[in-house]
């Protein structure tokens, strides 16, 4: 199925898709075929999660910056998962939310794969993220 997914090559294409199709998410994994067998696992606890761990591509209502900024940030938040395992890639999906994971991320079931994201699109998102955000800045009281 991953081979049958259309590939998006430009951040603008993903922005257009997210603007016209609410409920889209991104996931870094070995792909829809591999994920069809079940949910994600919380690596710290070892617990099986009730759905696939994803990041939303549609911004929250409080977001007042451009949609492309939101998407670039979402794509960069878990990019390290792909860097740790070259079998993983970024892909867009929709599904039914059944809970939240340990990082407060949505957990989806009944998924429908939509598209695969090219390395060029991810590089473009990373450039935009680095240019428009104080990347890596967060609360001072973190662990």
N, C-alpha and C. Protein backbone atom coordinates (compact mmCIF):
# COMPACT_ATOMS: atom_id res chain seq x y z
N UNK A 1 0.81 -1.19 0.00
CA UNK A 1 0.00 0.00 0.00
C UNK A 1 0.85 1.26 0.00
N UNK A 2 1.99 1.25 0.73
CA UNK A 2 2.86 2.42 0.78
C UNK A 2 3.34 2.80 -0.61
N UNK A 3 3.59 1.80 -1.44
CA UNK A 3 4.05 2.09 -2.80
C UNK A 3 2.95 2.73 -3.63
N UNK A 4 1.68 2.49 -3.26
CA UNK A 4 0.55 3.03 -4.00
C UNK A 4 0.17 4.44 -3.56
N UNK A 5 0.70 4.89 -2.44
CA UNK A 5 0.38 6.23 -1.96
C UNK A 5 0.98 7.27 -2.89
N UNK A 6 0.22 8.32 -3.16
CA UNK A 6 0.82 9.42 -3.92
C UNK A 6 1.84 10.10 -3.03
N UNK A 7 2.85 10.67 -3.65
CA UNK A 7 3.91 11.35 -2.91
C UNK A 7 3.76 12.85 -3.09
N UNK A 8 3.78 13.56 -1.97
CA UNK A 8 3.78 15.02 -2.01
C UNK A 8 5.21 15.50 -1.93
N UNK A 9 5.58 16.44 -2.80
CA UNK A 9 6.96 16.90 -2.90
C UNK A 9 7.20 18.32 -2.42
N UNK A 10 6.12 19.07 -2.15
CA UNK A 10 6.26 20.47 -1.76
C UNK A 10 5.37 20.77 -0.57
N UNK A 11 5.88 21.57 0.35
CA UNK A 11 5.12 21.95 1.53
C UNK A 11 3.80 22.62 1.13
N UNK A 12 3.80 23.40 0.07
CA UNK A 12 2.57 24.07 -0.38
C UNK A 12 1.49 23.05 -0.75
N UNK A 13 1.90 21.90 -1.30
CA UNK A 13 0.92 20.86 -1.64
C UNK A 13 0.27 20.30 -0.38
N UNK A 14 1.07 20.10 0.65
CA UNK A 14 0.54 19.59 1.92
C UNK A 14 -0.34 20.64 2.58
N UNK A 15 0.06 21.90 2.51
CA UNK A 15 -0.77 22.98 3.06
C UNK A 15 -2.13 23.01 2.38
N UNK A 16 -2.12 22.91 1.07
CA UNK A 16 -3.38 22.93 0.31
C UNK A 16 -4.26 21.76 0.72
N UNK A 17 -3.67 20.59 0.87
CA UNK A 17 -4.42 19.40 1.26
C UNK A 17 -5.01 19.58 2.66
N UNK A 18 -4.20 20.05 3.61
CA UNK A 18 -4.66 20.23 4.99
C UNK A 18 -5.75 21.30 5.07
N UNK A 19 -5.65 22.33 4.26
CA UNK A 19 -6.65 23.40 4.27
C UNK A 19 -8.00 22.91 3.74
N UNK A 20 -7.97 21.98 2.80
CA UNK A 20 -9.21 21.53 2.18
C UNK A 20 -9.76 20.23 2.78
N UNK A 21 -8.95 19.52 3.55
CA UNK A 21 -9.39 18.25 4.13
C UNK A 21 -9.11 18.21 5.63
N UNK A 22 -10.08 18.62 6.45
CA UNK A 22 -9.87 18.59 7.91
C UNK A 22 -9.64 17.16 8.40
N UNK A 23 -8.95 17.05 9.54
CA UNK A 23 -8.76 15.75 10.17
C UNK A 23 -7.55 14.98 9.70
N UNK A 24 -6.61 15.64 9.02
CA UNK A 24 -5.41 14.95 8.56
C UNK A 24 -4.34 14.97 9.64
N UNK A 25 -3.52 13.91 9.64
CA UNK A 25 -2.43 13.76 10.59
C UNK A 25 -1.20 13.26 9.86
N UNK A 26 -0.06 13.38 10.52
CA UNK A 26 1.18 12.82 9.97
C UNK A 26 1.70 11.78 10.94
N UNK A 27 2.34 10.76 10.37
CA UNK A 27 2.93 9.69 11.17
C UNK A 27 4.26 9.31 10.55
N UNK A 28 5.24 9.04 11.40
CA UNK A 28 6.52 8.50 10.98
C UNK A 28 6.55 7.03 11.38
N UNK A 29 6.61 6.15 10.38
CA UNK A 29 6.65 4.71 10.67
C UNK A 29 7.13 3.98 9.42
N UNK A 30 7.08 2.67 9.48
CA UNK A 30 7.44 1.84 8.33
C UNK A 30 6.31 1.80 7.31
N UNK A 31 5.23 2.52 7.57
CA UNK A 31 4.15 2.67 6.61
C UNK A 31 2.85 2.01 7.00
N UNK A 32 1.82 2.26 6.21
CA UNK A 32 0.48 1.75 6.52
C UNK A 32 0.40 0.23 6.57
N UNK A 33 1.10 -0.44 5.70
CA UNK A 33 1.05 -1.91 5.72
C UNK A 33 1.56 -2.44 7.05
N UNK A 34 2.67 -1.93 7.50
CA UNK A 34 3.26 -2.36 8.76
C UNK A 34 2.37 -1.98 9.94
N UNK A 35 1.73 -0.81 9.87
CA UNK A 35 0.91 -0.33 10.98
C UNK A 35 -0.47 -0.97 11.04
N UNK A 36 -0.87 -1.67 9.98
CA UNK A 36 -2.20 -2.25 9.93
C UNK A 36 -2.42 -3.29 11.02
N UNK A 37 -1.35 -3.83 11.57
CA UNK A 37 -1.47 -4.91 12.56
C UNK A 37 -1.79 -4.41 13.97
N UNK A 38 -1.75 -3.11 14.22
CA UNK A 38 -2.08 -2.67 15.58
C UNK A 38 -1.68 -1.24 15.86
N UNK A 39 -1.58 -0.95 17.16
CA UNK A 39 -1.29 0.40 17.60
C UNK A 39 0.18 0.64 17.83
N UNK A 40 0.45 1.79 18.38
CA UNK A 40 1.82 2.18 18.73
C UNK A 40 2.16 1.63 20.11
N UNK A 41 3.44 1.69 20.44
CA UNK A 41 3.91 1.28 21.76
C UNK A 41 4.57 2.47 22.44
N UNK A 42 4.26 2.67 23.70
CA UNK A 42 4.95 3.68 24.50
C UNK A 42 6.31 3.11 24.85
N UNK A 43 7.36 3.68 24.27
CA UNK A 43 8.70 3.10 24.44
C UNK A 43 9.19 3.16 25.87
N UNK A 44 8.81 4.16 26.64
CA UNK A 44 9.29 4.27 28.02
C UNK A 44 8.66 3.22 28.94
N UNK A 45 7.35 2.99 28.80
CA UNK A 45 6.68 2.03 29.69
C UNK A 45 6.58 0.64 29.09
N UNK A 46 6.69 0.56 27.75
CA UNK A 46 6.51 -0.72 27.07
C UNK A 46 5.05 -1.07 26.83
N UNK A 47 4.14 -0.18 27.19
CA UNK A 47 2.72 -0.46 27.04
C UNK A 47 2.25 -0.26 25.60
N UNK A 48 1.37 -1.13 25.16
CA UNK A 48 0.73 -1.01 23.85
C UNK A 48 -0.34 0.08 23.95
N UNK A 49 -0.33 0.99 23.02
CA UNK A 49 -1.33 2.07 22.97
C UNK A 49 -2.52 1.61 22.14
N UNK A 50 -3.71 2.15 22.39
CA UNK A 50 -4.90 1.68 21.69
C UNK A 50 -5.05 2.18 20.26
N UNK A 51 -4.07 2.89 19.75
CA UNK A 51 -4.13 3.40 18.39
C UNK A 51 -2.77 3.83 17.92
N UNK A 52 -2.72 4.37 16.71
CA UNK A 52 -1.47 4.84 16.13
C UNK A 52 -1.19 6.27 16.61
N UNK A 53 0.02 6.50 17.03
CA UNK A 53 0.46 7.80 17.50
C UNK A 53 0.71 8.71 16.29
N UNK A 54 0.09 9.89 16.29
CA UNK A 54 0.16 10.80 15.14
C UNK A 54 0.29 12.25 15.60
N UNK A 55 0.57 13.14 14.67
CA UNK A 55 0.55 14.58 14.91
C UNK A 55 -0.48 15.21 13.98
N UNK A 56 -1.33 16.10 14.49
CA UNK A 56 -2.35 16.73 13.65
C UNK A 56 -1.75 17.75 12.69
N UNK A 57 -2.28 17.77 11.48
CA UNK A 57 -1.85 18.75 10.48
C UNK A 57 -2.76 19.98 10.45
N UNK A 58 -3.92 19.88 11.08
CA UNK A 58 -4.81 21.03 11.18
C UNK A 58 -4.56 21.71 12.51
N UNK A 59 -4.34 23.03 12.50
CA UNK A 59 -4.00 23.73 13.74
C UNK A 59 -5.18 23.85 14.70
N UNK A 60 -4.83 24.08 15.94
CA UNK A 60 -5.82 24.38 16.97
C UNK A 60 -6.39 25.78 16.72
N UNK A 61 -7.55 26.05 17.32
CA UNK A 61 -8.22 27.34 17.08
C UNK A 61 -7.42 28.54 17.57
N UNK A 62 -6.53 28.35 18.53
CA UNK A 62 -5.73 29.46 19.04
C UNK A 62 -4.58 29.84 18.12
N UNK A 63 -4.26 29.01 17.13
CA UNK A 63 -3.14 29.24 16.24
C UNK A 63 -3.47 30.38 15.29
N UNK A 64 -2.68 31.47 15.32
CA UNK A 64 -2.93 32.62 14.46
C UNK A 64 -1.85 32.82 13.40
N UNK A 65 -0.85 31.97 13.43
CA UNK A 65 0.22 32.07 12.43
C UNK A 65 -0.21 31.31 11.17
N UNK A 66 0.57 31.40 10.09
CA UNK A 66 0.21 30.69 8.85
C UNK A 66 0.14 29.18 9.05
N UNK A 67 -0.73 28.56 8.29
CA UNK A 67 -0.90 27.11 8.31
C UNK A 67 0.43 26.41 8.04
N UNK A 68 1.22 26.93 7.11
CA UNK A 68 2.50 26.31 6.78
C UNK A 68 3.46 26.26 7.95
N UNK A 69 3.39 27.26 8.84
CA UNK A 69 4.22 27.24 10.04
C UNK A 69 3.80 26.09 10.96
N UNK A 70 2.49 25.92 11.14
CA UNK A 70 1.98 24.83 11.98
C UNK A 70 2.45 23.48 11.41
N UNK A 71 2.27 23.30 10.11
CA UNK A 71 2.62 22.03 9.49
C UNK A 71 4.12 21.78 9.60
N UNK A 72 4.93 22.78 9.35
CA UNK A 72 6.38 22.61 9.45
C UNK A 72 6.76 22.18 10.87
N UNK A 73 6.15 22.79 11.85
CA UNK A 73 6.44 22.42 13.24
C UNK A 73 6.02 20.99 13.53
N UNK A 74 4.84 20.61 13.08
CA UNK A 74 4.34 19.25 13.32
C UNK A 74 5.25 18.22 12.64
N UNK A 75 5.72 18.52 11.45
CA UNK A 75 6.58 17.57 10.73
C UNK A 75 7.93 17.43 11.42
N UNK A 76 8.40 18.50 12.05
CA UNK A 76 9.72 18.45 12.68
C UNK A 76 9.71 17.85 14.08
N UNK A 77 8.56 17.80 14.74
CA UNK A 77 8.51 17.33 16.12
C UNK A 77 8.96 15.88 16.30
N UNK A 78 8.66 15.04 15.33
CA UNK A 78 9.01 13.62 15.46
C UNK A 78 9.89 13.12 14.31
N UNK A 79 10.52 14.07 13.62
CA UNK A 79 11.40 13.69 12.50
C UNK A 79 12.54 12.79 12.96
N UNK A 80 12.94 12.92 14.22
CA UNK A 80 14.02 12.08 14.75
C UNK A 80 13.69 10.59 14.66
N UNK A 81 12.40 10.24 14.64
CA UNK A 81 12.03 8.83 14.52
C UNK A 81 12.49 8.25 13.18
N UNK A 82 12.42 9.05 12.15
CA UNK A 82 12.89 8.62 10.82
C UNK A 82 14.41 8.58 10.79
N UNK A 83 15.03 9.53 11.45
CA UNK A 83 16.49 9.59 11.44
C UNK A 83 17.10 8.40 12.17
N UNK A 84 16.40 7.88 13.20
CA UNK A 84 16.88 6.72 13.95
C UNK A 84 16.69 5.41 13.19
N UNK A 85 15.72 5.37 12.30
CA UNK A 85 15.40 4.15 11.56
C UNK A 85 15.08 4.52 10.11
N UNK A 86 16.00 4.24 9.18
CA UNK A 86 15.78 4.63 7.78
C UNK A 86 14.61 3.91 7.09
N UNK A 87 14.07 2.88 7.73
CA UNK A 87 12.88 2.21 7.18
C UNK A 87 11.62 3.06 7.37
N UNK A 88 11.68 3.99 8.28
CA UNK A 88 10.52 4.84 8.57
C UNK A 88 10.45 6.00 7.57
N UNK A 89 9.22 6.43 7.33
CA UNK A 89 8.99 7.60 6.47
C UNK A 89 7.76 8.33 6.97
N UNK A 90 7.60 9.56 6.54
CA UNK A 90 6.46 10.38 6.94
C UNK A 90 5.32 10.15 5.96
N UNK A 91 4.14 9.94 6.51
CA UNK A 91 2.96 9.77 5.67
C UNK A 91 1.74 10.40 6.33
N UNK A 92 0.80 10.79 5.49
CA UNK A 92 -0.41 11.48 5.92
C UNK A 92 -1.56 10.48 5.98
N UNK A 93 -2.37 10.63 7.02
CA UNK A 93 -3.50 9.72 7.21
C UNK A 93 -4.63 10.44 7.91
N UNK A 94 -5.77 9.79 7.92
CA UNK A 94 -6.90 10.24 8.74
C UNK A 94 -7.42 9.01 9.46
N UNK A 95 -8.16 9.24 10.52
CA UNK A 95 -8.72 8.13 11.28
C UNK A 95 -9.59 8.64 12.40
N UNK A 96 -10.03 7.71 13.23
CA UNK A 96 -10.88 8.03 14.38
C UNK A 96 -10.03 8.06 15.64
N UNK A 97 -10.11 9.18 16.36
CA UNK A 97 -9.31 9.33 17.58
C UNK A 97 -9.94 8.53 18.72
N UNK A 98 -9.09 7.72 19.40
CA UNK A 98 -9.57 6.89 20.51
C UNK A 98 -8.89 7.24 21.83
N UNK A 99 -8.01 8.19 21.82
CA UNK A 99 -7.32 8.57 23.04
C UNK A 99 -6.14 9.46 22.74
N UNK A 100 -5.30 9.63 23.76
CA UNK A 100 -4.07 10.41 23.64
C UNK A 100 -2.93 9.60 24.22
N UNK A 101 -1.77 9.75 23.59
CA UNK A 101 -0.59 9.04 24.04
C UNK A 101 0.13 9.78 25.15
N UNK A 102 1.28 9.28 25.58
CA UNK A 102 2.01 9.86 26.71
C UNK A 102 2.55 11.26 26.45
N UNK A 103 2.67 11.66 25.18
CA UNK A 103 3.08 13.03 24.85
C UNK A 103 1.86 13.87 24.48
N UNK A 104 0.68 13.40 24.84
CA UNK A 104 -0.59 14.07 24.54
C UNK A 104 -0.95 14.04 23.05
N UNK A 105 -0.27 13.21 22.29
CA UNK A 105 -0.54 13.10 20.87
C UNK A 105 -1.80 12.28 20.63
N UNK A 106 -2.57 12.59 19.57
CA UNK A 106 -3.75 11.79 19.25
C UNK A 106 -3.35 10.35 18.91
N UNK A 107 -4.24 9.43 19.27
CA UNK A 107 -4.10 8.03 18.91
C UNK A 107 -5.27 7.67 18.01
N UNK A 108 -4.97 7.17 16.81
CA UNK A 108 -6.01 6.91 15.82
C UNK A 108 -6.18 5.43 15.52
N UNK A 109 -7.43 5.06 15.22
CA UNK A 109 -7.77 3.74 14.68
C UNK A 109 -8.59 3.96 13.41
N UNK A 110 -8.93 2.87 12.73
CA UNK A 110 -9.71 2.96 11.48
C UNK A 110 -9.07 3.95 10.52
N UNK A 111 -7.78 3.77 10.29
CA UNK A 111 -7.03 4.76 9.51
C UNK A 111 -7.21 4.58 8.00
N UNK A 112 -7.07 5.69 7.32
CA UNK A 112 -7.04 5.73 5.86
C UNK A 112 -5.76 6.45 5.44
N UNK A 113 -4.83 5.75 4.81
CA UNK A 113 -3.62 6.41 4.31
C UNK A 113 -3.97 7.36 3.17
N UNK A 114 -3.30 8.51 3.14
CA UNK A 114 -3.59 9.53 2.14
C UNK A 114 -2.40 9.77 1.20
N UNK A 115 -1.23 10.02 1.76
CA UNK A 115 -0.07 10.37 0.93
C UNK A 115 1.22 10.13 1.71
N UNK A 116 2.29 10.01 0.96
CA UNK A 116 3.64 9.90 1.53
C UNK A 116 4.32 11.26 1.33
N UNK A 117 5.18 11.65 2.28
CA UNK A 117 5.89 12.93 2.18
C UNK A 117 7.32 12.68 1.73
N UNK A 118 7.75 13.40 0.72
CA UNK A 118 9.08 13.20 0.15
C UNK A 118 10.15 13.81 1.05
N UNK A 119 11.39 13.34 0.93
CA UNK A 119 12.49 13.97 1.66
C UNK A 119 12.62 15.46 1.33
N UNK A 120 12.34 15.84 0.09
CA UNK A 120 12.42 17.26 -0.28
C UNK A 120 11.39 18.09 0.49
N UNK A 121 10.18 17.57 0.65
CA UNK A 121 9.15 18.27 1.41
C UNK A 121 9.58 18.40 2.87
N UNK A 122 10.12 17.33 3.44
CA UNK A 122 10.57 17.38 4.83
C UNK A 122 11.72 18.36 5.02
N UNK A 123 12.62 18.43 4.05
CA UNK A 123 13.72 19.40 4.13
C UNK A 123 13.19 20.83 4.06
N UNK A 124 12.20 21.05 3.21
CA UNK A 124 11.57 22.37 3.10
C UNK A 124 10.89 22.74 4.42
N UNK A 125 10.20 21.77 5.03
CA UNK A 125 9.53 22.02 6.31
C UNK A 125 10.56 22.34 7.40
N UNK A 126 11.67 21.62 7.39
CA UNK A 126 12.69 21.88 8.40
C UNK A 126 13.30 23.27 8.24
N UNK A 127 13.54 23.69 7.00
CA UNK A 127 14.05 25.05 6.76
C UNK A 127 13.07 26.10 7.30
N UNK A 128 11.80 25.89 7.00
CA UNK A 128 10.79 26.84 7.46
C UNK A 128 10.72 26.86 8.99
N UNK A 129 10.78 25.70 9.58
CA UNK A 129 10.75 25.60 11.04
C UNK A 129 11.93 26.34 11.66
N UNK A 130 13.12 26.11 11.14
CA UNK A 130 14.33 26.76 11.68
C UNK A 130 14.28 28.27 11.49
N UNK A 131 13.71 28.74 10.37
CA UNK A 131 13.64 30.17 10.08
C UNK A 131 12.59 30.90 10.93
N UNK A 132 11.49 30.21 11.26
CA UNK A 132 10.35 30.89 11.87
C UNK A 132 10.10 30.60 13.34
N UNK A 133 10.90 29.71 13.93
CA UNK A 133 10.68 29.34 15.32
C UNK A 133 11.98 29.39 16.10
N UNK A 134 11.86 29.51 17.41
CA UNK A 134 12.99 29.35 18.31
C UNK A 134 13.07 27.86 18.60
N UNK A 135 13.54 27.10 17.63
CA UNK A 135 13.56 25.65 17.69
C UNK A 135 14.28 25.17 18.94
N UNK A 136 13.65 24.23 19.63
CA UNK A 136 14.24 23.63 20.82
C UNK A 136 13.96 24.39 22.09
N UNK A 137 13.30 25.54 22.00
CA UNK A 137 12.99 26.31 23.20
C UNK A 137 11.72 25.75 23.83
N UNK A 138 11.71 25.63 25.13
CA UNK A 138 10.53 25.12 25.82
C UNK A 138 10.53 25.59 27.25
N UNK A 139 9.61 25.06 28.03
CA UNK A 139 9.54 25.46 29.44
C UNK A 139 10.86 25.15 30.17
N UNK A 140 11.22 26.04 31.05
CA UNK A 140 12.46 25.89 31.81
C UNK A 140 12.37 24.79 32.86
N UNK A 141 11.16 24.40 33.25
CA UNK A 141 11.01 23.42 34.31
C UNK A 141 10.86 21.99 33.82
N UNK A 142 11.27 21.71 32.58
CA UNK A 142 11.17 20.36 32.04
C UNK A 142 12.12 19.40 32.72
N UNK A 143 11.94 18.12 32.43
CA UNK A 143 12.79 17.08 33.05
C UNK A 143 14.17 17.04 32.47
